[in-house]
């Protein structure tokens, strides 16, 4: 059953444009509830989890996380409309399954078309935007969505000292806390910046900047991270990375 008063998230780092969109939506679609407004991608990702909107208006370029990266986190939970100043991106997004796109500056007549499309789409499951996300992914992984102490955290990878495989999960190790994700070490190795994060075994990846010491042990290598007393063995297959150190 379609919600008579659907909920929406507005994610746009330009406050004036965000206010303009909110006002225009109130005029064209009075029943629509704006349940959250975000000025950056991290806020948008948090509000998606907390408010669970049926619709998300996402600026393609935002601080923290891009609109594309936030779209990855929707996991087909809501319908997405992208806001962008670039027509080539907009057309690509539309072809890959986004409900619609809005070019900046906003046009009221064009927004009315978007509203109508959204009303028609609400009775259907949200589209899978994974193909778009893969094609438009902006470089190495920068943020991680992880569980810690019953909470959902959004962690900048630069704060992470290392990743360790642990049964069904991967431990995310930071100086302040530990979290868990379901992404495997193998998958992380493909997503992280290889110059900043080195895989040292089949079950561990470390942040190079977090390495405190490296020593030879029984013909092999072991390392210790900052704020840790534990020595981790470096598998022979990965020892070549340390020749420059």
C-alpha atoms as a PDB file:
ATOM      1  CA  UNK A   1       0.000   0.000   0.000  1.00  0.00           C
ATOM      2  CA  UNK A   2       1.338   3.413  -1.006  1.00  0.00           C
ATOM      3  CA  UNK A   3       1.859   5.867   1.843  1.00  0.00           C
ATOM      4  CA  UNK A   4      -0.492   8.833   1.370  1.00  0.00           C
ATOM      5  CA  UNK A   5       2.135  11.050   2.984  1.00  0.00           C
ATOM      6  CA  UNK A   6       5.498   9.743   1.778  1.00  0.00           C
ATOM      7  CA  UNK A   7       8.701  10.784   3.559  1.00  0.00           C
ATOM      8  CA  UNK A   8      11.651  12.406   1.819  1.00  0.00           C
ATOM      9  CA  UNK A   9      15.266  13.319   2.514  1.00  0.00           C
ATOM     10  CA  UNK A  10      16.849  16.432   0.975  1.00  0.00           C
ATOM     11  CA  UNK A  11      20.647  16.229   0.704  1.00  0.00           C
ATOM     12  CA  UNK A  12      22.258  19.338  -0.791  1.00  0.00           C
ATOM     13  CA  UNK A  13      25.267  21.243   0.524  1.00  0.00           C
ATOM     14  CA  UNK A  14      24.044  24.611  -0.800  1.00  0.00           C
ATOM     15  CA  UNK A  15      21.620  25.890   1.848  1.00  0.00           C
ATOM     16  CA  UNK A  16      19.812  28.285  -0.508  1.00  0.00           C
ATOM     17  CA  UNK A  17      19.214  25.599  -3.119  1.00  0.00           C
ATOM     18  CA  UNK A  18      18.055  23.174  -0.438  1.00  0.00           C
ATOM     19  CA  UNK A  19      15.569  25.752   0.866  1.00  0.00           C
ATOM     20  CA  UNK A  20      14.402  26.498  -2.681  1.00  0.00           C
ATOM     21  CA  UNK A  21      13.762  22.810  -3.353  1.00  0.00           C
ATOM     22  CA  UNK A  22      11.903  22.396  -0.063  1.00  0.00           C
ATOM     23  CA  UNK A  23       9.641  25.366  -0.828  1.00  0.00           C
ATOM     24  CA  UNK A  24       8.945  24.173  -4.368  1.00  0.00           C
ATOM     25  CA  UNK A  25       8.102  20.656  -3.189  1.00  0.00           C
ATOM     26  CA  UNK A  26       5.689  22.043  -0.597  1.00  0.00           C
ATOM     27  CA  UNK A  27       3.918  23.885  -3.409  1.00  0.00           C
ATOM     28  CA  UNK A  28       3.809  21.000  -5.888  1.00  0.00           C
ATOM     29  CA  UNK A  29       3.338  18.120  -3.435  1.00  0.00           C
ATOM     30  CA  UNK A  30       1.818  19.277  -0.123  1.00  0.00           C
ATOM     31  CA  UNK A  31       1.433  15.690   1.116  1.00  0.00           C
ATOM     32  CA  UNK A  32       5.187  15.034   0.923  1.00  0.00           C
ATOM     33  CA  UNK A  33       6.901  15.092   4.323  1.00  0.00           C
ATOM     34  CA  UNK A  34      10.481  16.372   4.421  1.00  0.00           C
ATOM     35  CA  UNK A  35      11.699  14.315   7.369  1.00  0.00           C
ATOM     36  CA  UNK A  36      15.401  15.170   7.133  1.00  0.00           C
ATOM     37  CA  UNK A  37      17.753  17.699   5.538  1.00  0.00           C
ATOM     38  CA  UNK A  38      21.465  17.072   5.089  1.00  0.00           C
ATOM     39  CA  UNK A  39      24.274  19.459   4.192  1.00  0.00           C
ATOM     40  CA  UNK A  40      26.791  16.717   3.420  1.00  0.00           C
ATOM     41  CA  UNK A  41      26.949  13.081   2.425  1.00  0.00           C
ATOM     42  CA  UNK A  42      27.715  11.709   5.883  1.00  0.00           C
ATOM     43  CA  UNK A  43      24.606  13.365   7.341  1.00  0.00           C
ATOM     44  CA  UNK A  44      22.589  12.058   4.408  1.00  0.00           C
ATOM     45  CA  UNK A  45      23.753   8.490   5.027  1.00  0.00           C
ATOM     46  CA  UNK A  46      22.902   8.758   8.723  1.00  0.00           C
ATOM     47  CA  UNK A  47      19.438  10.173   8.043  1.00  0.00           C
ATOM     48  CA  UNK A  48      18.734   7.430   5.496  1.00  0.00           C
ATOM     49  CA  UNK A  49      19.230   4.881   8.246  1.00  0.00           C
ATOM     50  CA  UNK A  50      17.426   6.811  10.983  1.00  0.00           C
ATOM     51  CA  UNK A  51      14.458   8.347   9.141  1.00  0.00           C
ATOM     52  CA  UNK A  52      13.943   5.605   6.505  1.00  0.00           C
ATOM     53  CA  UNK A  53      12.460   7.879   3.822  1.00  0.00           C
ATOM     54  CA  UNK A  54      10.752   6.508   0.735  1.00  0.00           C
ATOM     55  CA  UNK A  55      12.409   9.203  -1.406  1.00  0.00           C
ATOM     56  CA  UNK A  56      15.889  10.742  -1.402  1.00  0.00           C
ATOM     57  CA  UNK A  57      16.930  13.864  -3.294  1.00  0.00           C
ATOM     58  CA  UNK A  58      20.727  13.561  -3.479  1.00  0.00           C
ATOM     59  CA  UNK A  59      23.201  16.150  -4.704  1.00  0.00           C
ATOM     60  CA  UNK A  60      25.794  14.339  -6.795  1.00  0.00           C
ATOM     61  CA  UNK A  61      28.691  16.369  -5.370  1.00  0.00           C
ATOM     62  CA  UNK A  62      28.683  16.853  -1.591  1.00  0.00           C
ATOM     63  CA  UNK A  63      31.377  16.996   1.094  1.00  0.00           C
ATOM     64  CA  UNK A  64      32.109  13.754   2.936  1.00  0.00           C
ATOM     65  CA  UNK A  65      30.231  11.314   0.727  1.00  0.00           C
ATOM     66  CA  UNK A  66      29.084  11.985  -2.818  1.00  0.00           C
ATOM     67  CA  UNK A  67      25.476  11.453  -3.822  1.00  0.00           C
ATOM     68  CA  UNK A  68      26.605   8.329  -5.668  1.00  0.00           C
ATOM     69  CA  UNK A  69      28.231   6.923  -2.526  1.00  0.00           C
ATOM     70  CA  UNK A  70      25.098   7.668  -0.510  1.00  0.00           C
ATOM     71  CA  UNK A  71      23.025   5.947  -3.206  1.00  0.00           C
ATOM     72  CA  UNK A  72      25.116   2.825  -2.607  1.00  0.00           C
ATOM     73  CA  UNK A  73      23.892   2.829   0.999  1.00  0.00           C
ATOM     74  CA  UNK A  74      20.215   3.047   0.048  1.00  0.00           C
ATOM     75  CA  UNK A  75      20.331  -0.666  -0.864  1.00  0.00           C
ATOM     76  CA  UNK A  76      17.079  -0.292  -2.815  1.00  0.00           C
ATOM     77  CA  UNK A  77      15.315   1.069   0.274  1.00  0.00           C
ATOM     78  CA  UNK A  78      14.154   4.306  -1.351  1.00  0.00           C
ATOM     79  CA  UNK A  79      13.624   6.008  -4.689  1.00  0.00           C
ATOM     80  CA  UNK A  80      16.461   8.337  -5.696  1.00  0.00           C
ATOM     81  CA  UNK A  81      16.414  11.653  -7.528  1.00  0.00           C
ATOM     82  CA  UNK A  82      19.835  13.141  -8.274  1.00  0.00           C
ATOM     83  CA  UNK A  83      20.586  16.865  -8.219  1.00  0.00           C
ATOM     84  CA  UNK A  84      23.405  17.848 -10.551  1.00  0.00           C
ATOM     85  CA  UNK A  85      24.833  20.632 -12.659  1.00  0.00           C
ATOM     86  CA  UNK A  86      26.116  18.151 -15.241  1.00  0.00           C
ATOM     87  CA  UNK A  87      23.691  16.968 -17.895  1.00  0.00           C
ATOM     88  CA  UNK A  88      25.803  13.989 -19.003  1.00  0.00           C
ATOM     89  CA  UNK A  89      25.757  12.565 -15.485  1.00  0.00           C
ATOM     90  CA  UNK A  90      22.013  13.206 -15.175  1.00  0.00           C
ATOM     91  CA  UNK A  91      21.151  11.284 -18.325  1.00  0.00           C
ATOM     92  CA  UNK A  92      23.388   8.396 -17.254  1.00  0.00           C
ATOM     93  CA  UNK A  93      21.719   8.271 -13.828  1.00  0.00           C
ATOM     94  CA  UNK A  94      18.259   8.252 -15.379  1.00  0.00           C
ATOM     95  CA  UNK A  95      19.172   5.460 -17.787  1.00  0.00           C
ATOM     96  CA  UNK A  96      20.565   3.346 -14.942  1.00  0.00           C
ATOM     97  CA  UNK A  97      17.381   3.473 -12.860  1.00  0.00           C
ATOM     98  CA  UNK A  98      17.224   6.687 -10.844  1.00  0.00           C
ATOM     99  CA  UNK A  99      13.619   7.910 -10.768  1.00  0.00           C
ATOM    100  CA  UNK A 100      14.747  11.220 -12.216  1.00  0.00           C
ATOM    101  CA  UNK A 101      17.364  13.934 -12.195  1.00  0.00           C
ATOM    102  CA  UNK A 102      17.142  17.675 -11.610  1.00  0.00           C
ATOM    103  CA  UNK A 103      19.590  20.050 -13.227  1.00  0.00           C
ATOM    104  CA  UNK A 104      20.769  23.124 -11.364  1.00  0.00           C
ATOM    105  CA  UNK A 105      19.446  25.793 -11.230  1.00  0.00           C
ATOM    106  CA  UNK A 106      16.051  24.305 -10.416  1.00  0.00           C
ATOM    107  CA  UNK A 107      13.158  24.757 -12.801  1.00  0.00           C
ATOM    108  CA  UNK A 108       9.638  24.562 -11.317  1.00  0.00           C
ATOM    109  CA  UNK A 109       8.064  23.019 -14.418  1.00  0.00           C
ATOM    110  CA  UNK A 110      10.787  20.366 -14.566  1.00  0.00           C
ATOM    111  CA  UNK A 111      10.333  19.614 -10.858  1.00  0.00           C
ATOM    112  CA  UNK A 112       6.615  19.088 -11.484  1.00  0.00           C
ATOM    113  CA  UNK A 113       7.532  16.329 -13.953  1.00  0.00           C
ATOM    114  CA  UNK A 114       9.767  14.735 -11.312  1.00  0.00           C
ATOM    115  CA  UNK A 115       6.969  14.847  -8.743  1.00  0.00           C
ATOM    116  CA  UNK A 116       4.626  13.049 -11.126  1.00  0.00           C
ATOM    117  CA  UNK A 117       7.244  10.382 -11.852  1.00  0.00           C
ATOM    118  CA  UNK A 118       7.799   9.847  -8.137  1.00  0.00           C
ATOM    119  CA  UNK A 119       4.085   9.415  -7.481  1.00  0.00           C
ATOM    120  CA  UNK A 120       3.961   6.745 -10.181  1.00  0.00           C
ATOM    121  CA  UNK A 121       7.098   4.976  -8.910  1.00  0.00           C
ATOM    122  CA  UNK A 122       6.062   4.795  -5.247  1.00  0.00           C
ATOM    123  CA  UNK A 123       3.895   1.759  -5.920  1.00  0.00           C
ATOM    124  CA  UNK A 124       6.964  -0.089  -7.262  1.00  0.00           C
ATOM    125  CA  UNK A 125      10.138  -1.339  -5.546  1.00  0.00           C
ATOM    126  CA  UNK A 126      13.059   1.130  -5.728  1.00  0.00           C
ATOM    127  CA  UNK A 127      15.510   0.565  -8.574  1.00  0.00           C
ATOM    128  CA  UNK A 128      18.883  -1.113  -8.124  1.00  0.00           C
ATOM    129  CA  UNK A 129      21.466   1.606  -8.768  1.00  0.00           C
ATOM    130  CA  UNK A 130      24.509  -0.626  -8.297  1.00  0.00           C
ATOM    131  CA  UNK A 131      25.482  -0.403 -11.974  1.00  0.00           C
ATOM    132  CA  UNK A 132      25.499   3.381 -11.792  1.00  0.00           C
ATOM    133  CA  UNK A 133      27.439   3.328  -8.538  1.00  0.00           C
ATOM    134  CA  UNK A 134      30.105   1.064 -10.008  1.00  0.00           C
ATOM    135  CA  UNK A 135      30.462   3.192 -13.124  1.00  0.00           C
ATOM    136  CA  UNK A 136      30.607   6.458 -11.228  1.00  0.00           C
ATOM    137  CA  UNK A 137      32.516   5.389  -8.115  1.00  0.00           C
ATOM    138  CA  UNK A 138      34.924   8.248  -7.348  1.00  0.00           C
ATOM    139  CA  UNK A 139      38.221   6.563  -6.616  1.00  0.00           C
ATOM    140  CA  UNK A 140      39.195   4.440  -3.611  1.00  0.00           C
ATOM    141  CA  UNK A 141      36.877   3.764  -0.685  1.00  0.00           C
ATOM    142  CA  UNK A 142      36.748   6.781   1.655  1.00  0.00           C
ATOM    143  CA  UNK A 143      34.007   5.974   4.166  1.00  0.00           C
ATOM    144  CA  UNK A 144      32.837   2.791   5.844  1.00  0.00           C
ATOM    145  CA  UNK A 145      29.442   2.011   7.339  1.00  0.00           C
ATOM    146  CA  UNK A 146      30.112  -0.203  10.377  1.00  0.00           C
ATOM    147  CA  UNK A 147      28.439  -1.553  13.523  1.00  0.00           C
ATOM    148  CA  UNK A 148      29.885  -0.684  16.931  1.00  0.00           C
ATOM    149  CA  UNK A 149      28.267  -1.198  20.329  1.00  0.00           C
ATOM    150  CA  UNK A 150      24.787  -1.513  18.852  1.00  0.00           C
ATOM    151  CA  UNK A 151      25.225   1.694  16.852  1.00  0.00           C
ATOM    152  CA  UNK A 152      25.785   2.352  13.165  1.00  0.00           C
ATOM    153  CA  UNK A 153      28.927   4.413  12.557  1.00  0.00           C
ATOM    154  CA  UNK A 154      30.219   6.149   9.443  1.00  0.00           C
ATOM    155  CA  UNK A 155      34.000   5.985   9.624  1.00  0.00           C
ATOM    156  CA  UNK A 156      36.541   7.859   7.505  1.00  0.00           C
ATOM    157  CA  UNK A 157      39.045   5.235   6.344  1.00  0.00           C
ATOM    158  CA  UNK A 158      41.913   7.557   7.263  1.00  0.00           C
ATOM    159  CA  UNK A 159      40.942   7.021  10.923  1.00  0.00           C
ATOM    160  CA  UNK A 160      41.241   3.249  10.564  1.00  0.00           C
ATOM    161  CA  UNK A 161      44.500   1.629  11.707  1.00  0.00           C
ATOM    162  CA  UNK A 162      43.678  -1.784  10.336  1.00  0.00           C
ATOM    163  CA  UNK A 163      41.200  -4.477   9.320  1.00  0.00           C
ATOM    164  CA  UNK A 164      41.215  -8.045  10.689  1.00  0.00           C
ATOM    165  CA  UNK A 165      39.106 -10.991   9.530  1.00  0.00           C
ATOM    166  CA  UNK A 166      37.081 -12.478  12.383  1.00  0.00           C
ATOM    167  CA  UNK A 167      34.689 -15.387  11.672  1.00  0.00           C
ATOM    168  CA  UNK A 168      31.707 -13.949   9.774  1.00  0.00           C
ATOM    169  CA  UNK A 169      32.830 -10.338  10.168  1.00  0.00           C
ATOM    170  CA  UNK A 170      35.800  -8.081   9.564  1.00  0.00           C
ATOM    171  CA  UNK A 171      37.011  -6.046  12.532  1.00  0.00           C
ATOM    172  CA  UNK A 172      37.616  -2.349  11.892  1.00  0.00           C
ATOM    173  CA  UNK A 173      40.369  -1.161  14.243  1.00  0.00           C
ATOM    174  CA  UNK A 174      40.667   2.505  15.208  1.00  0.00           C
ATOM    175  CA  UNK A 175      42.506   4.164  18.136  1.00  0.00           C
ATOM    176  CA  UNK A 176      39.201   5.055  19.825  1.00  0.00           C
ATOM    177  CA  UNK A 177      36.929   2.083  19.174  1.00  0.00           C
ATOM    178  CA  UNK A 178      36.445  -1.154  17.281  1.00  0.00           C
ATOM    179  CA  UNK A 179      33.641  -1.843  14.788  1.00  0.00           C
ATOM    180  CA  UNK A 180      32.517  -4.669  12.514  1.00  0.00           C
ATOM    181  CA  UNK A 181      31.615  -4.898   8.838  1.00  0.00           C
ATOM    182  CA  UNK A 182      30.589  -7.784   6.585  1.00  0.00           C
ATOM    183  CA  UNK A 183      32.960  -6.809   3.760  1.00  0.00           C
ATOM    184  CA  UNK A 184      35.737  -9.372   3.404  1.00  0.00           C
ATOM    185  CA  UNK A 185      39.467  -8.634   3.467  1.00  0.00           C
ATOM    186  CA  UNK A 186      39.651  -9.668  -0.187  1.00  0.00           C
ATOM    187  CA  UNK A 187      36.935  -7.163  -1.128  1.00  0.00           C
ATOM    188  CA  UNK A 188      38.496  -4.391   0.974  1.00  0.00           C
ATOM    189  CA  UNK A 189      41.856  -4.900  -0.710  1.00  0.00           C
ATOM    190  CA  UNK A 190      40.218  -4.042  -4.038  1.00  0.00           C
ATOM    191  CA  UNK A 191      38.359  -1.001  -2.695  1.00  0.00           C
ATOM    192  CA  UNK A 192      41.013   0.712  -0.556  1.00  0.00           C
ATOM    193  CA  UNK A 193      43.854   2.949  -1.773  1.00  0.00           C
ATOM    194  CA  UNK A 194      46.732   0.514  -2.253  1.00  0.00           C
ATOM    195  CA  UNK A 195      49.326   3.171  -1.448  1.00  0.00           C
ATOM    196  CA  UNK A 196      47.789   3.886   1.951  1.00  0.00           C
ATOM    197  CA  UNK A 197      46.562   0.432   2.945  1.00  0.00           C
ATOM    198  CA  UNK A 198      48.683  -2.692   2.642  1.00  0.00           C
ATOM    199  CA  UNK A 199      47.434  -6.239   2.925  1.00  0.00           C
ATOM    200  CA  UNK A 200      49.857  -8.148   5.182  1.00  0.00           C
ATOM    201  CA  UNK A 201      48.140 -11.547   5.203  1.00  0.00           C
ATOM    202  CA  UNK A 202      44.985 -13.239   3.970  1.00  0.00           C
ATOM    203  CA  UNK A 203      43.231 -11.987   7.100  1.00  0.00           C
ATOM    204  CA  UNK A 204      44.647  -8.499   7.689  1.00  0.00           C
ATOM    205  CA  UNK A 205      45.105  -5.070   6.104  1.00  0.00           C
ATOM    206  CA  UNK A 206      46.936  -2.187   7.801  1.00  0.00           C
ATOM    207  CA  UNK A 207      47.055   1.568   7.333  1.00  0.00           C
ATOM    208  CA  UNK A 208      50.676   2.320   6.410  1.00  0.00           C
ATOM    209  CA  UNK A 209      50.537   5.618   8.323  1.00  0.00           C
ATOM    210  CA  UNK A 210      49.554   3.707  11.481  1.00  0.00           C
ATOM    211  CA  UNK A 211      52.591   1.394  11.479  1.00  0.00           C
ATOM    212  CA  UNK A 212      54.683   2.083  14.574  1.00  0.00           C
ATOM    213  CA  UNK A 213      57.419  -0.522  14.152  1.00  0.00           C
ATOM    214  CA  UNK A 214      58.548  -3.405  11.940  1.00  0.00           C
ATOM    215  CA  UNK A 215      60.970  -6.114  13.041  1.00  0.00           C
ATOM    216  CA  UNK A 216      62.385  -9.412  11.818  1.00  0.00           C
ATOM    217  CA  UNK A 217      61.125 -12.502  13.623  1.00  0.00           C
ATOM    218  CA  UNK A 218      62.420 -16.006  12.815  1.00  0.00           C
ATOM    219  CA  UNK A 219      63.344 -15.001   9.282  1.00  0.00           C
ATOM    220  CA  UNK A 220      60.028 -13.272   8.689  1.00  0.00           C
ATOM    221  CA  UNK A 221      58.520  -9.870   9.449  1.00  0.00           C
ATOM    222  CA  UNK A 222      56.128  -8.626  12.102  1.00  0.00           C
ATOM    223  CA  UNK A 223      54.674  -5.174  12.659  1.00  0.00           C
ATOM    224  CA  UNK A 224      53.047  -3.222  15.443  1.00  0.00           C
ATOM    225  CA  UNK A 225      50.489  -0.450  14.995  1.00  0.00           C
ATOM    226  CA  UNK A 226      50.309   2.798  16.947  1.00  0.00           C
ATOM    227  CA  UNK A 227      48.323   2.501  20.208  1.00  0.00           C
ATOM    228  CA  UNK A 228      48.722  -1.285  20.135  1.00  0.00           C
ATOM    229  CA  UNK A 229      51.058  -3.712  21.887  1.00  0.00           C
ATOM    230  CA  UNK A 230      50.242  -6.599  19.547  1.00  0.00           C
ATOM    231  CA  UNK A 231      52.718  -7.750  16.912  1.00  0.00           C
ATOM    232  CA  UNK A 232      51.157  -8.969  13.656  1.00  0.00           C
ATOM    233  CA  UNK A 233      52.962 -11.387  11.371  1.00  0.00           C
ATOM    234  CA  UNK A 234      53.470 -10.354   7.745  1.00  0.00           C
ATOM    235  CA  UNK A 235      52.951 -13.271   5.367  1.00  0.00           C
ATOM    236  CA  UNK A 236      55.829 -13.955   2.986  1.00  0.00           C
ATOM    237  CA  UNK A 237      53.697 -13.104  -0.050  1.00  0.00           C
ATOM    238  CA  UNK A 238      53.309  -9.532   1.218  1.00  0.00           C
ATOM    239  CA  UNK A 239      56.787  -8.841   2.624  1.00  0.00           C
ATOM    240  CA  UNK A 240      58.005  -7.188  -0.585  1.00  0.00           C
ATOM    241  CA  UNK A 241      56.009  -4.070   0.337  1.00  0.00           C
ATOM    242  CA  UNK A 242      58.348  -3.432   3.265  1.00  0.00           C
ATOM    243  CA  UNK A 243      61.626  -3.377   1.335  1.00  0.00           C
ATOM    244  CA  UNK A 244      61.381   0.393   0.994  1.00  0.00           C
ATOM    245  CA  UNK A 245      60.988   0.884   4.756  1.00  0.00           C
END
